[in-house]
N, C-alpha and C. Protein backbone atom coordinates (compact mmCIF):
# COMPACT_ATOMS: atom_id res chain seq x y z
N MET A 1 1.03 -1.03 0.09
CA MET A 1 -0.09 -0.15 0.01
C MET A 1 0.84 1.20 -0.03
N LYS A 2 0.25 2.35 -0.53
CA LYS A 2 1.11 3.67 -0.25
C LYS A 2 0.78 4.28 0.96
N VAL A 3 2.02 4.74 1.30
CA VAL A 3 2.22 5.05 2.65
C VAL A 3 2.75 6.85 2.51
N LEU A 4 2.12 7.71 3.09
CA LEU A 4 2.61 9.25 3.38
C LEU A 4 3.42 9.42 4.17
N ILE A 5 4.48 9.82 3.80
CA ILE A 5 5.60 10.20 5.21
C ILE A 5 5.19 11.66 5.71
N PRO A 6 5.49 11.83 6.58
CA PRO A 6 4.94 13.32 6.95
C PRO A 6 6.90 13.76 6.96
N THR A 7 6.71 15.19 6.74
CA THR A 7 7.97 15.98 6.60
C THR A 7 8.82 15.51 7.54
N PRO A 8 8.53 15.54 9.05
CA PRO A 8 9.70 15.44 10.25
C PRO A 8 10.22 13.67 9.97
N LEU A 9 9.51 12.87 9.26
CA LEU A 9 10.12 11.66 9.26
C LEU A 9 10.75 11.35 7.76
N ARG A 10 10.83 12.27 6.74
CA ARG A 10 11.32 12.20 5.45
C ARG A 10 13.01 12.06 5.27
N SER A 11 13.52 12.02 6.63
CA SER A 11 15.05 11.80 6.74
C SER A 11 15.30 10.72 6.68
N TYR A 12 14.41 9.64 6.85
CA TYR A 12 14.54 8.31 6.74
C TYR A 12 14.39 7.51 5.21
N THR A 13 13.32 8.18 5.05
CA THR A 13 12.85 7.78 3.44
C THR A 13 13.45 8.43 2.25
N ARG A 14 13.52 9.75 2.45
CA ARG A 14 13.86 10.61 1.20
C ARG A 14 13.14 10.95 0.11
N LYS A 15 11.79 10.46 0.55
CA LYS A 15 10.57 10.74 -0.25
C LYS A 15 9.27 10.92 0.56
N SER A 16 8.27 11.40 0.14
CA SER A 16 7.19 11.57 0.67
C SER A 16 5.97 10.61 0.47
N TRP A 17 6.17 9.58 -0.37
CA TRP A 17 5.35 8.36 -0.34
C TRP A 17 6.12 7.51 -0.80
N VAL A 18 5.85 6.46 0.34
CA VAL A 18 6.62 5.29 -0.04
C VAL A 18 5.57 3.52 -0.29
N GLU A 19 5.84 2.81 -0.32
CA GLU A 19 5.38 1.20 -0.48
C GLU A 19 5.29 0.58 0.81
N ALA A 20 4.59 -0.23 1.41
CA ALA A 20 4.73 -0.93 2.21
C ALA A 20 3.65 -1.77 2.40
N GLY A 21 3.98 -3.10 2.89
CA GLY A 21 2.94 -4.12 2.88
C GLY A 21 2.33 -4.53 4.39
N GLY A 22 1.60 -5.08 4.72
CA GLY A 22 1.07 -5.63 6.02
C GLY A 22 -0.52 -5.74 5.99
N SER A 23 -1.03 -6.31 6.84
CA SER A 23 -2.40 -6.72 6.79
C SER A 23 -2.99 -5.77 8.04
N THR A 24 -2.35 -5.03 8.97
CA THR A 24 -2.43 -4.53 10.08
C THR A 24 -1.69 -3.21 9.96
N LEU A 25 -1.77 -2.24 10.66
CA LEU A 25 -0.93 -1.02 10.54
C LEU A 25 0.22 -1.35 11.41
N GLY A 26 0.20 -2.31 12.63
CA GLY A 26 1.34 -2.70 12.96
C GLY A 26 2.15 -3.25 11.86
N GLY A 27 1.85 -4.21 11.17
CA GLY A 27 2.16 -4.68 10.21
C GLY A 27 3.13 -4.15 9.21
N VAL A 28 2.64 -2.85 8.66
CA VAL A 28 3.03 -2.00 7.73
C VAL A 28 4.03 -1.16 8.55
N LEU A 29 3.97 -0.62 9.80
CA LEU A 29 5.12 -0.17 10.05
C LEU A 29 6.13 -0.98 10.18
N THR A 30 6.07 -2.27 10.82
CA THR A 30 6.98 -3.15 10.57
C THR A 30 7.98 -3.48 9.31
N ASP A 31 6.99 -3.29 8.37
CA ASP A 31 7.53 -3.47 7.10
C ASP A 31 8.29 -2.12 6.54
N LEU A 32 7.92 -1.07 6.98
CA LEU A 32 8.56 0.45 6.73
C LEU A 32 9.94 0.51 7.62
N ASP A 33 9.91 -0.43 9.08
CA ASP A 33 11.24 -0.44 9.68
C ASP A 33 12.18 -1.24 8.99
N ARG A 34 11.71 -2.12 8.29
CA ARG A 34 12.72 -3.36 7.71
C ARG A 34 13.43 -2.54 6.52
N GLN A 35 12.40 -1.64 5.98
CA GLN A 35 12.85 -0.94 4.44
C GLN A 35 14.18 0.57 4.82
N TYR A 36 13.42 1.08 6.34
CA TYR A 36 14.03 2.54 6.52
C TYR A 36 14.13 2.23 8.34
N PRO A 37 15.44 1.25 8.59
CA PRO A 37 15.46 1.01 9.78
C PRO A 37 15.28 2.57 10.78
N GLY A 38 14.46 2.23 11.82
CA GLY A 38 14.50 3.36 12.95
C GLY A 38 13.36 4.44 12.63
N ILE A 39 12.59 4.17 11.79
CA ILE A 39 11.33 4.94 11.60
C ILE A 39 10.30 4.43 12.53
N ARG A 40 10.10 2.85 12.58
CA ARG A 40 9.15 2.72 13.52
C ARG A 40 9.25 3.09 15.03
N PHE A 41 10.31 3.40 15.73
CA PHE A 41 10.62 4.18 16.88
C PHE A 41 10.28 5.13 17.12
N ARG A 42 10.49 5.96 15.90
CA ARG A 42 10.01 7.44 15.99
C ARG A 42 8.33 7.37 16.24
N MET A 43 7.55 6.67 15.59
CA MET A 43 6.05 6.40 15.39
C MET A 43 5.46 5.86 16.86
N VAL A 44 6.23 4.74 17.40
CA VAL A 44 5.75 3.56 18.38
C VAL A 44 6.62 3.38 19.65
N ASP A 45 6.38 3.73 20.65
CA ASP A 45 7.09 3.34 21.85
C ASP A 45 7.27 2.07 22.32
N GLU A 46 8.45 1.86 23.39
CA GLU A 46 8.97 0.45 23.66
C GLU A 46 7.67 -0.42 24.06
N GLN A 47 6.68 0.04 24.56
CA GLN A 47 5.31 -0.71 24.88
C GLN A 47 4.49 -0.98 23.66
N ASP A 48 5.11 -0.76 22.54
CA ASP A 48 4.07 -0.87 21.40
C ASP A 48 2.97 -0.24 21.29
N ARG A 49 3.21 1.14 21.88
CA ARG A 49 2.01 2.04 22.14
C ARG A 49 2.08 3.34 21.16
N MET A 50 1.40 3.88 20.45
CA MET A 50 1.54 5.27 19.64
C MET A 50 1.81 5.93 20.27
N ARG A 51 3.09 6.58 19.69
CA ARG A 51 3.55 7.91 20.46
C ARG A 51 2.10 8.85 20.18
N PRO A 52 1.97 9.78 21.13
CA PRO A 52 1.11 10.67 21.55
C PRO A 52 1.06 11.95 20.66
N HIS A 53 1.95 12.25 20.02
CA HIS A 53 2.25 13.47 19.28
C HIS A 53 2.25 12.71 17.52
N ILE A 54 2.02 11.49 17.54
CA ILE A 54 1.87 10.90 15.81
C ILE A 54 0.06 10.45 15.56
N ARG A 55 -0.21 11.02 14.51
CA ARG A 55 -1.45 10.70 14.25
C ARG A 55 -1.29 9.39 13.09
N PHE A 56 -2.25 8.59 12.94
CA PHE A 56 -2.13 7.31 11.99
C PHE A 56 -3.39 7.35 11.17
N PHE A 57 -3.76 7.36 9.83
CA PHE A 57 -4.85 7.60 9.42
C PHE A 57 -4.48 6.39 8.34
N VAL A 58 -6.11 5.70 8.37
CA VAL A 58 -5.89 4.67 7.31
C VAL A 58 -7.13 5.10 6.47
N ASN A 59 -7.13 4.90 5.29
CA ASN A 59 -8.25 5.66 4.39
C ASN A 59 -8.96 6.65 4.62
N GLY A 60 -8.18 7.66 5.21
CA GLY A 60 -8.86 8.97 5.57
C GLY A 60 -9.19 9.01 7.02
N ASP A 61 -9.56 8.02 7.39
CA ASP A 61 -9.88 8.11 8.78
C ASP A 61 -8.83 7.80 10.26
N GLN A 62 -8.96 8.41 11.24
CA GLN A 62 -7.84 8.75 12.09
C GLN A 62 -7.92 7.00 12.88
N THR A 63 -6.94 6.65 12.96
CA THR A 63 -7.21 5.08 13.62
C THR A 63 -5.95 5.35 15.30
N PHE A 64 -6.60 5.01 16.24
CA PHE A 64 -5.85 4.72 17.45
C PHE A 64 -5.27 3.22 17.64
N ASP A 65 -5.17 2.14 17.05
CA ASP A 65 -5.11 0.59 17.06
C ASP A 65 -4.21 0.11 16.11
N LEU A 66 -2.99 -0.25 16.34
CA LEU A 66 -1.90 -1.02 15.44
C LEU A 66 -2.93 -2.19 14.95
N ALA A 67 -3.38 -2.90 15.74
CA ALA A 67 -4.17 -4.25 14.85
C ALA A 67 -4.84 -3.95 14.02
């Protein structure tokens, strides 16, 4: 799927749109981290919770669940 990378995280990807796979948001983030090491930790903490300053949208709707 196509993933929009916000400006503060583009230092990892060097582009605004990237492709990532996964059947859940958590899976997509894992694939992004495989391609761009370190990017997931900027969005998800050590307890596997979304960082409070990050917003995730799936098909235009904000989501609060990695599953």
